[in-house]
Amino acid sequence: GGVTKFYPGGETMPIYDAAMKYAEKGTPLVIFAGKEYGTGSSRDWAAKGTTLLGVRAVIAESFERIHRSNLIGMGVLPLQFPAGMSADSLGLQGDEVFTIRGITAFNEGRTPAEVDVEAVAADGRTVEFTARVRVDTPGEADYFRHGGILQYVLRSLV
């Protein structure tokens, strides 16, 4: 539904309210998703909403093709769990603090095939895995490198 838990503390509240509290703290967000993330969405509007909530990465089992591309166009990094893995199989619960290593390659003009993800839970438990970067074309890499298609176009005009 439209609720989530806000950490620290685990208070249940509407997703929008939690996102605004995280934004006030300067905390970027990560979404865990299942298979075919984005299927049935209103396409580009769904990616805009994700961005406006402060989401910087989506880690999914798989993506609907156009939604994945729309996420990149909004500056959100689509990452894919290794085959056979999911948030559930890794024991991820949503209270973790994530570090994604390897995305600085975009700043160097490279597109990494994979990144290392480390999740540290509130109880100190650590989960590590390698995620596949789903930036599939050079054009998508340029859009992501600039923070999205709008920023890319504006910088091209200047």
N, C-alpha and C. Protein backbone atom coordinates (compact mmCIF):
# COMPACT_ATOMS: atom_id res chain seq x y z
N GLY A 1 0.81 -1.18 0.00
CA GLY A 1 0.00 0.00 0.00
C GLY A 1 0.86 1.25 0.00
N GLY A 2 0.27 2.31 0.42
CA GLY A 2 0.92 3.61 0.40
C GLY A 2 1.62 3.99 1.68
N VAL A 3 2.02 2.99 2.48
CA VAL A 3 2.71 3.29 3.73
C VAL A 3 4.08 2.63 3.78
N THR A 4 4.93 3.17 4.63
CA THR A 4 6.26 2.63 4.83
C THR A 4 6.67 2.90 6.27
N LYS A 5 7.83 2.43 6.64
CA LYS A 5 8.38 2.72 7.96
C LYS A 5 9.49 3.74 7.80
N PHE A 6 9.53 4.69 8.72
CA PHE A 6 10.58 5.71 8.73
C PHE A 6 11.60 5.31 9.79
N TYR A 7 12.88 5.29 9.38
CA TYR A 7 13.96 4.93 10.30
C TYR A 7 14.84 6.13 10.57
N PRO A 8 15.42 6.26 11.74
CA PRO A 8 15.36 5.31 12.85
C PRO A 8 14.00 5.37 13.55
N GLY A 9 13.68 4.32 14.24
CA GLY A 9 12.47 4.26 15.02
C GLY A 9 11.42 3.33 14.47
N GLY A 10 11.30 3.24 13.14
CA GLY A 10 10.34 2.33 12.55
C GLY A 10 8.90 2.80 12.57
N GLU A 11 8.68 4.12 12.69
CA GLU A 11 7.32 4.66 12.70
C GLU A 11 6.66 4.44 11.34
N THR A 12 5.43 3.91 11.32
CA THR A 12 4.69 3.70 10.09
C THR A 12 4.01 5.01 9.70
N MET A 13 4.16 5.38 8.42
CA MET A 13 3.57 6.63 7.91
C MET A 13 3.39 6.55 6.41
N PRO A 14 2.65 7.49 5.82
CA PRO A 14 2.52 7.51 4.35
C PRO A 14 3.89 7.65 3.68
N ILE A 15 4.05 7.01 2.52
CA ILE A 15 5.32 7.04 1.80
C ILE A 15 5.77 8.48 1.55
N TYR A 16 4.85 9.32 1.12
CA TYR A 16 5.21 10.71 0.83
C TYR A 16 5.79 11.41 2.06
N ASP A 17 5.15 11.24 3.21
CA ASP A 17 5.63 11.89 4.44
C ASP A 17 7.03 11.39 4.81
N ALA A 18 7.25 10.09 4.69
CA ALA A 18 8.58 9.53 5.00
C ALA A 18 9.61 10.08 4.01
N ALA A 19 9.25 10.13 2.73
CA ALA A 19 10.19 10.63 1.72
C ALA A 19 10.58 12.08 2.01
N MET A 20 9.63 12.89 2.44
CA MET A 20 9.92 14.29 2.74
C MET A 20 10.82 14.41 3.97
N LYS A 21 10.61 13.54 4.95
CA LYS A 21 11.49 13.55 6.13
C LYS A 21 12.91 13.13 5.75
N TYR A 22 13.03 12.11 4.89
CA TYR A 22 14.36 11.71 4.43
C TYR A 22 15.01 12.84 3.62
N ALA A 23 14.23 13.54 2.81
CA ALA A 23 14.76 14.65 2.01
C ALA A 23 15.28 15.75 2.92
N GLU A 24 14.56 16.05 4.00
CA GLU A 24 15.02 17.06 4.96
C GLU A 24 16.37 16.69 5.56
N LYS A 25 16.60 15.40 5.74
CA LYS A 25 17.87 14.91 6.30
C LYS A 25 18.94 14.75 5.22
N GLY A 26 18.57 14.89 3.94
CA GLY A 26 19.52 14.69 2.85
C GLY A 26 19.84 13.23 2.59
N THR A 27 18.88 12.34 2.89
CA THR A 27 19.09 10.91 2.74
C THR A 27 18.51 10.42 1.41
N PRO A 28 19.36 9.98 0.46
CA PRO A 28 18.85 9.41 -0.78
C PRO A 28 18.24 8.04 -0.50
N LEU A 29 17.28 7.64 -1.31
CA LEU A 29 16.54 6.40 -1.07
C LEU A 29 16.80 5.35 -2.13
N VAL A 30 16.59 4.08 -1.74
CA VAL A 30 16.72 2.93 -2.62
C VAL A 30 15.43 2.13 -2.53
N ILE A 31 14.94 1.67 -3.68
CA ILE A 31 13.76 0.81 -3.72
C ILE A 31 14.22 -0.61 -4.00
N PHE A 32 13.66 -1.59 -3.27
CA PHE A 32 13.80 -3.01 -3.60
C PHE A 32 12.57 -3.39 -4.39
N ALA A 33 12.74 -4.19 -5.42
CA ALA A 33 11.58 -4.58 -6.22
C ALA A 33 11.71 -6.02 -6.67
N GLY A 34 10.58 -6.56 -7.08
CA GLY A 34 10.54 -7.93 -7.58
C GLY A 34 10.78 -8.00 -9.07
N LYS A 35 10.03 -8.89 -9.70
CA LYS A 35 10.19 -9.13 -11.14
C LYS A 35 9.36 -8.14 -11.94
N GLU A 36 9.90 -7.76 -13.11
CA GLU A 36 9.22 -6.87 -14.05
C GLU A 36 8.79 -5.55 -13.39
N TYR A 37 9.70 -4.96 -12.62
CA TYR A 37 9.42 -3.69 -11.96
C TYR A 37 9.01 -2.65 -12.99
N GLY A 38 7.91 -1.99 -12.75
CA GLY A 38 7.42 -0.95 -13.65
C GLY A 38 6.33 -1.42 -14.58
N THR A 39 6.03 -2.71 -14.62
CA THR A 39 4.97 -3.21 -15.48
C THR A 39 3.64 -2.64 -15.02
N GLY A 40 2.88 -2.11 -15.98
CA GLY A 40 1.57 -1.56 -15.66
C GLY A 40 1.63 -0.14 -15.14
N SER A 41 2.82 0.43 -15.05
CA SER A 41 2.94 1.80 -14.57
C SER A 41 2.53 2.77 -15.66
N SER A 42 2.33 4.01 -15.27
CA SER A 42 2.01 5.02 -16.27
C SER A 42 3.29 5.56 -16.89
N ARG A 43 4.25 4.68 -17.03
CA ARG A 43 5.51 4.91 -17.70
C ARG A 43 6.30 6.09 -17.17
N ASP A 44 6.41 7.17 -17.93
CA ASP A 44 7.30 8.25 -17.52
C ASP A 44 6.81 8.93 -16.24
N TRP A 45 5.50 8.96 -16.00
CA TRP A 45 5.00 9.56 -14.75
C TRP A 45 5.48 8.76 -13.55
N ALA A 46 5.53 7.47 -13.66
CA ALA A 46 5.99 6.66 -12.55
C ALA A 46 7.46 6.95 -12.24
N ALA A 47 8.27 7.13 -13.26
CA ALA A 47 9.68 7.46 -13.05
C ALA A 47 9.83 8.86 -12.45
N LYS A 48 8.99 9.80 -12.86
CA LYS A 48 9.03 11.15 -12.29
C LYS A 48 8.69 11.10 -10.81
N GLY A 49 7.66 10.35 -10.46
CA GLY A 49 7.28 10.23 -9.06
C GLY A 49 8.39 9.63 -8.22
N THR A 50 9.04 8.62 -8.75
CA THR A 50 10.17 7.98 -8.06
C THR A 50 11.26 9.01 -7.77
N THR A 51 11.59 9.81 -8.75
CA THR A 51 12.62 10.84 -8.60
C THR A 51 12.20 11.89 -7.58
N LEU A 52 10.95 12.34 -7.67
CA LEU A 52 10.47 13.38 -6.76
C LEU A 52 10.45 12.91 -5.30
N LEU A 53 10.35 11.61 -5.10
CA LEU A 53 10.39 11.06 -3.73
C LEU A 53 11.82 10.95 -3.20
N GLY A 54 12.83 11.21 -4.03
CA GLY A 54 14.21 11.17 -3.58
C GLY A 54 14.90 9.83 -3.79
N VAL A 55 14.31 8.98 -4.61
CA VAL A 55 14.91 7.68 -4.90
C VAL A 55 16.07 7.86 -5.87
N ARG A 56 17.22 7.30 -5.55
CA ARG A 56 18.41 7.42 -6.39
C ARG A 56 18.74 6.11 -7.10
N ALA A 57 18.20 4.97 -6.58
CA ALA A 57 18.46 3.67 -7.20
C ALA A 57 17.28 2.74 -6.96
N VAL A 58 17.03 1.88 -7.94
CA VAL A 58 16.05 0.80 -7.80
C VAL A 58 16.81 -0.49 -8.01
N ILE A 59 16.70 -1.40 -7.04
CA ILE A 59 17.33 -2.71 -7.16
C ILE A 59 16.19 -3.71 -7.31
N ALA A 60 16.09 -4.32 -8.50
CA ALA A 60 14.97 -5.19 -8.83
C ALA A 60 15.45 -6.54 -9.32
N GLU A 61 14.54 -7.52 -9.30
CA GLU A 61 14.85 -8.82 -9.88
C GLU A 61 14.87 -8.71 -11.40
N SER A 62 13.99 -7.88 -11.97
CA SER A 62 14.00 -7.57 -13.40
C SER A 62 13.15 -6.32 -13.61
N PHE A 63 13.26 -5.73 -14.80
CA PHE A 63 12.59 -4.47 -15.12
C PHE A 63 11.73 -4.60 -16.37
N GLU A 64 10.63 -3.86 -16.39
CA GLU A 64 9.89 -3.63 -17.62
C GLU A 64 10.78 -2.70 -18.44
N ARG A 65 10.98 -3.01 -19.70
CA ARG A 65 11.97 -2.35 -20.54
C ARG A 65 11.84 -0.83 -20.60
N ILE A 66 10.68 -0.32 -20.88
CA ILE A 66 10.52 1.12 -21.04
C ILE A 66 10.63 1.84 -19.70
N HIS A 67 10.10 1.24 -18.64
CA HIS A 67 10.20 1.88 -17.33
C HIS A 67 11.67 1.99 -16.89
N ARG A 68 12.45 0.95 -17.18
CA ARG A 68 13.88 0.99 -16.84
C ARG A 68 14.53 2.18 -17.53
N SER A 69 14.25 2.36 -18.80
CA SER A 69 14.81 3.47 -19.54
C SER A 69 14.31 4.81 -19.00
N ASN A 70 13.04 4.89 -18.63
CA ASN A 70 12.49 6.13 -18.05
C ASN A 70 13.15 6.46 -16.72
N LEU A 71 13.47 5.45 -15.92
CA LEU A 71 14.18 5.71 -14.66
C LEU A 71 15.52 6.40 -14.94
N ILE A 72 16.25 5.88 -15.91
CA ILE A 72 17.54 6.48 -16.28
C ILE A 72 17.33 7.92 -16.75
N GLY A 73 16.29 8.14 -17.54
CA GLY A 73 15.98 9.47 -18.02
C GLY A 73 15.69 10.45 -16.90
N MET A 74 15.32 9.94 -15.74
CA MET A 74 15.06 10.78 -14.57
C MET A 74 16.24 10.78 -13.59
N GLY A 75 17.34 10.11 -13.95
CA GLY A 75 18.53 10.12 -13.11
C GLY A 75 18.53 9.07 -12.01
N VAL A 76 17.66 8.06 -12.14
CA VAL A 76 17.59 6.98 -11.15
C VAL A 76 18.33 5.77 -11.71
N LEU A 77 19.22 5.19 -10.92
CA LEU A 77 20.05 4.07 -11.37
C LEU A 77 19.31 2.74 -11.22
N PRO A 78 19.03 2.03 -12.33
CA PRO A 78 18.42 0.71 -12.24
C PRO A 78 19.49 -0.36 -12.04
N LEU A 79 19.36 -1.11 -10.97
CA LEU A 79 20.28 -2.21 -10.67
C LEU A 79 19.48 -3.50 -10.56
N GLN A 80 20.10 -4.61 -10.94
CA GLN A 80 19.40 -5.89 -10.92
C GLN A 80 20.10 -6.86 -9.98
N PHE A 81 19.30 -7.50 -9.14
CA PHE A 81 19.83 -8.54 -8.25
C PHE A 81 20.45 -9.65 -9.10
N PRO A 82 21.46 -10.35 -8.57
CA PRO A 82 21.98 -11.53 -9.27
C PRO A 82 20.86 -12.56 -9.46
N ALA A 83 20.98 -13.37 -10.51
CA ALA A 83 19.97 -14.39 -10.80
C ALA A 83 19.70 -15.24 -9.56
N GLY A 84 18.43 -15.43 -9.27
CA GLY A 84 18.04 -16.26 -8.13
C GLY A 84 18.05 -15.54 -6.80
N MET A 85 18.47 -14.28 -6.78
CA MET A 85 18.49 -13.52 -5.54
C MET A 85 17.40 -12.47 -5.55
N SER A 86 16.98 -12.10 -4.36
CA SER A 86 15.96 -11.07 -4.20
C SER A 86 16.16 -10.42 -2.84
N ALA A 87 15.42 -9.38 -2.57
CA ALA A 87 15.48 -8.75 -1.24
C ALA A 87 15.14 -9.78 -0.17
N ASP A 88 14.12 -10.61 -0.43
CA ASP A 88 13.73 -11.63 0.54
C ASP A 88 14.83 -12.67 0.76
N SER A 89 15.41 -13.18 -0.34
CA SER A 89 16.43 -14.23 -0.19
C SER A 89 17.68 -13.71 0.51
N LEU A 90 17.93 -12.40 0.40
CA LEU A 90 19.09 -11.80 1.07
C LEU A 90 18.76 -11.34 2.48
N GLY A 91 17.50 -11.45 2.87
CA GLY A 91 17.09 -11.05 4.21
C GLY A 91 16.99 -9.55 4.40
N LEU A 92 16.85 -8.80 3.31
CA LEU A 92 16.73 -7.35 3.42
C LEU A 92 15.34 -6.99 3.91
N GLN A 93 15.28 -6.05 4.88
CA GLN A 93 14.00 -5.73 5.51
C GLN A 93 13.58 -4.28 5.34
N GLY A 94 14.48 -3.42 4.83
CA GLY A 94 14.13 -2.03 4.63
C GLY A 94 14.70 -1.08 5.66
N ASP A 95 15.32 -1.62 6.68
CA ASP A 95 15.93 -0.74 7.70
C ASP A 95 17.43 -0.56 7.48
N GLU A 96 17.92 -1.03 6.34
CA GLU A 96 19.35 -1.00 6.05
C GLU A 96 19.81 0.36 5.53
N VAL A 97 21.10 0.61 5.75
CA VAL A 97 21.78 1.75 5.14
C VAL A 97 22.66 1.15 4.04
N PHE A 98 22.51 1.68 2.82
CA PHE A 98 23.19 1.11 1.66
C PHE A 98 24.39 1.93 1.22
N THR A 99 25.41 1.22 0.77
CA THR A 99 26.54 1.81 0.09
C THR A 99 26.65 1.09 -1.25
N ILE A 100 26.67 1.88 -2.33
CA ILE A 100 26.81 1.31 -3.67
C ILE A 100 28.16 1.75 -4.20
N ARG A 101 29.05 0.79 -4.39
CA ARG A 101 30.41 1.10 -4.83
C ARG A 101 30.58 0.78 -6.31
N GLY A 102 31.19 1.71 -7.03
CA GLY A 102 31.49 1.49 -8.44
C GLY A 102 30.77 2.44 -9.37
N ILE A 103 29.84 3.24 -8.86
CA ILE A 103 29.11 4.14 -9.75
C ILE A 103 29.93 5.36 -10.15
N THR A 104 31.04 5.60 -9.45
CA THR A 104 31.88 6.74 -9.84
C THR A 104 32.49 6.54 -11.22
N ALA A 105 32.45 5.31 -11.74
CA ALA A 105 32.93 5.05 -13.10
C ALA A 105 32.17 5.91 -14.11
N PHE A 106 30.90 6.22 -13.84
CA PHE A 106 30.13 7.07 -14.74
C PHE A 106 30.79 8.44 -14.86
N ASN A 107 31.33 8.96 -13.75
CA ASN A 107 32.00 10.27 -13.76
C ASN A 107 33.28 10.24 -14.59
N GLU A 108 33.83 9.06 -14.79
CA GLU A 108 35.06 8.90 -15.56
C GLU A 108 34.77 8.54 -17.01
N GLY A 109 33.48 8.57 -17.40
CA GLY A 109 33.11 8.27 -18.77
C GLY A 109 32.93 6.79 -19.07
N ARG A 110 32.98 5.96 -18.04
CA ARG A 110 32.80 4.52 -18.23
C ARG A 110 31.44 4.11 -17.68
N THR A 111 30.92 3.01 -18.18
CA THR A 111 29.68 2.44 -17.66
C THR A 111 30.02 1.10 -17.04
N PRO A 112 29.92 1.00 -15.71
CA PRO A 112 30.25 -0.28 -15.09
C PRO A 112 29.19 -1.34 -15.41
N ALA A 113 29.61 -2.57 -15.58
CA ALA A 113 28.67 -3.67 -15.81
C ALA A 113 28.02 -4.09 -14.50
N GLU A 114 28.77 -3.93 -13.42
CA GLU A 114 28.28 -4.33 -12.09
C GLU A 114 28.77 -3.33 -11.05
N VAL A 115 28.08 -3.30 -9.94
CA VAL A 115 28.49 -2.52 -8.78
C VAL A 115 28.37 -3.40 -7.54
N ASP A 116 29.12 -3.06 -6.53
CA ASP A 116 29.04 -3.77 -5.26
C ASP A 116 28.09 -3.03 -4.34
N VAL A 117 27.18 -3.78 -3.73
CA VAL A 117 26.19 -3.20 -2.83
C VAL A 117 26.42 -3.77 -1.44
N GLU A 118 26.49 -2.88 -0.47
CA GLU A 118 26.61 -3.29 0.93
C GLU A 118 25.43 -2.70 1.68
N ALA A 119 24.74 -3.54 2.44
CA ALA A 119 23.61 -3.11 3.25
C ALA A 119 23.91 -3.43 4.70
N VAL A 120 23.86 -2.40 5.55
CA VAL A 120 24.08 -2.60 6.98
C VAL A 120 22.75 -2.36 7.67
N ALA A 121 22.25 -3.40 8.33
CA ALA A 121 20.95 -3.33 9.00
C ALA A 121 21.08 -2.62 10.34
N ALA A 122 19.94 -2.23 10.88
CA ALA A 122 19.89 -1.53 12.16
C ALA A 122 20.52 -2.37 13.27
N ASP A 123 20.43 -3.70 13.17
CA ASP A 123 21.00 -4.57 14.20
C ASP A 123 22.49 -4.86 13.96
N GLY A 124 23.09 -4.23 12.94
CA GLY A 124 24.51 -4.40 12.66
C GLY A 124 24.82 -5.48 11.64
N ARG A 125 23.83 -6.28 11.26
CA ARG A 125 24.02 -7.33 10.27
C ARG A 125 24.37 -6.70 8.93
N THR A 126 25.33 -7.28 8.21
CA THR A 126 25.76 -6.77 6.92
C THR A 126 25.47 -7.79 5.83
N VAL A 127 24.92 -7.29 4.72
CA VAL A 127 24.64 -8.11 3.55
C VAL A 127 25.39 -7.45 2.39
N GLU A 128 26.12 -8.26 1.62
CA GLU A 128 26.84 -7.75 0.47
C GLU A 128 26.49 -8.59 -0.76
N PHE A 129 26.35 -7.91 -1.89
CA PHE A 129 26.11 -8.61 -3.15
C PHE A 129 26.56 -7.72 -4.30
N THR A 130 26.70 -8.34 -5.46
CA THR A 130 27.05 -7.61 -6.68
C THR A 130 25.79 -7.48 -7.52
N ALA A 131 25.47 -6.24 -7.91
CA ALA A 131 24.28 -5.98 -8.72
C ALA A 131 24.69 -5.63 -10.15
N ARG A 132 23.88 -6.06 -11.09
CA ARG A 132 24.10 -5.74 -12.50
C ARG A 132 23.56 -4.34 -12.78
N VAL A 133 24.37 -3.50 -13.40
CA VAL A 133 23.94 -2.16 -13.78
C VAL A 133 23.13 -2.28 -15.06
N ARG A 134 21.88 -1.79 -15.03
CA ARG A 134 20.99 -1.90 -16.19
C ARG A 134 20.93 -0.59 -16.98
N VAL A 135 22.08 0.00 -17.19
CA VAL A 135 22.22 1.12 -18.13
C VAL A 135 22.77 0.46 -19.38
N ASP A 136 21.87 0.20 -20.34
CA ASP A 136 22.17 -0.75 -21.41
C ASP A 136 22.73 -0.15 -22.71
N THR A 137 22.67 1.18 -22.87
CA THR A 137 23.16 1.77 -24.11
C THR A 137 24.06 2.97 -23.80
N PRO A 138 24.92 3.36 -24.74
CA PRO A 138 25.75 4.55 -24.51
C PRO A 138 24.91 5.82 -24.29
N GLY A 139 23.79 5.94 -24.98
CA GLY A 139 22.91 7.09 -24.79
C GLY A 139 22.36 7.14 -23.38
N GLU A 140 21.93 5.99 -22.87
CA GLU A 140 21.44 5.93 -21.48
C GLU A 140 22.55 6.31 -20.51
N ALA A 141 23.75 5.87 -20.79
CA ALA A 141 24.88 6.21 -19.92
C ALA A 141 25.09 7.72 -19.89
N ASP A 142 24.99 8.38 -21.04
CA ASP A 142 25.11 9.84 -21.09
C ASP A 142 24.01 10.50 -20.28
N TYR A 143 22.77 10.04 -20.43
CA TYR A 143 21.66 10.61 -19.66
C TYR A 143 21.91 10.46 -18.16
N PHE A 144 22.31 9.25 -17.74
CA PHE A 144 22.53 9.02 -16.31
C PHE A 144 23.69 9.86 -15.80
N ARG A 145 24.76 9.93 -16.58
CA ARG A 145 25.95 10.69 -16.20
C ARG A 145 25.60 12.16 -15.91
N HIS A 146 24.62 12.68 -16.62
CA HIS A 146 24.22 14.08 -16.47
C HIS A 146 23.10 14.27 -15.44
N GLY A 147 22.61 13.17 -14.86
CA GLY A 147 21.54 13.27 -13.87
C GLY A 147 20.15 13.15 -14.46
N GLY A 148 20.06 12.79 -15.73
CA GLY A 148 18.78 12.62 -16.39
C GLY A 148 18.76 13.31 -17.73
N ILE A 149 17.71 13.04 -18.50
CA ILE A 149 17.64 13.56 -19.86
C ILE A 149 17.48 15.08 -19.90
N LEU A 150 16.71 15.65 -18.98
CA LEU A 150 16.53 17.10 -18.97
C LEU A 150 17.86 17.82 -18.76
N GLN A 151 18.64 17.38 -17.77
CA GLN A 151 19.94 18.00 -17.52
C GLN A 151 20.87 17.79 -18.71
N TYR A 152 20.79 16.62 -19.35
CA TYR A 152 21.61 16.35 -20.52
C TYR A 152 21.30 17.34 -21.64
N VAL A 153 20.02 17.54 -21.92
CA VAL A 153 19.59 18.45 -22.99
C VAL A 153 20.00 19.89 -22.65
N LEU A 154 19.77 20.31 -21.41
CA LEU A 154 20.14 21.68 -21.02
C LEU A 154 21.64 21.92 -21.15
N ARG A 155 22.45 20.96 -20.74
CA ARG A 155 23.90 21.12 -20.85
C ARG A 155 24.33 21.12 -22.31
N SER A 156 23.62 20.36 -23.15
CA SER A 156 23.94 20.34 -24.58
C SER A 156 23.64 21.68 -25.25
N LEU A 157 22.64 22.38 -24.75
CA LEU A 157 22.27 23.68 -25.30
C LEU A 157 23.22 24.78 -24.89
N VAL A 158 23.86 24.62 -23.74
CA VAL A 158 24.75 25.67 -23.21
C VAL A 158 26.07 25.64 -23.85
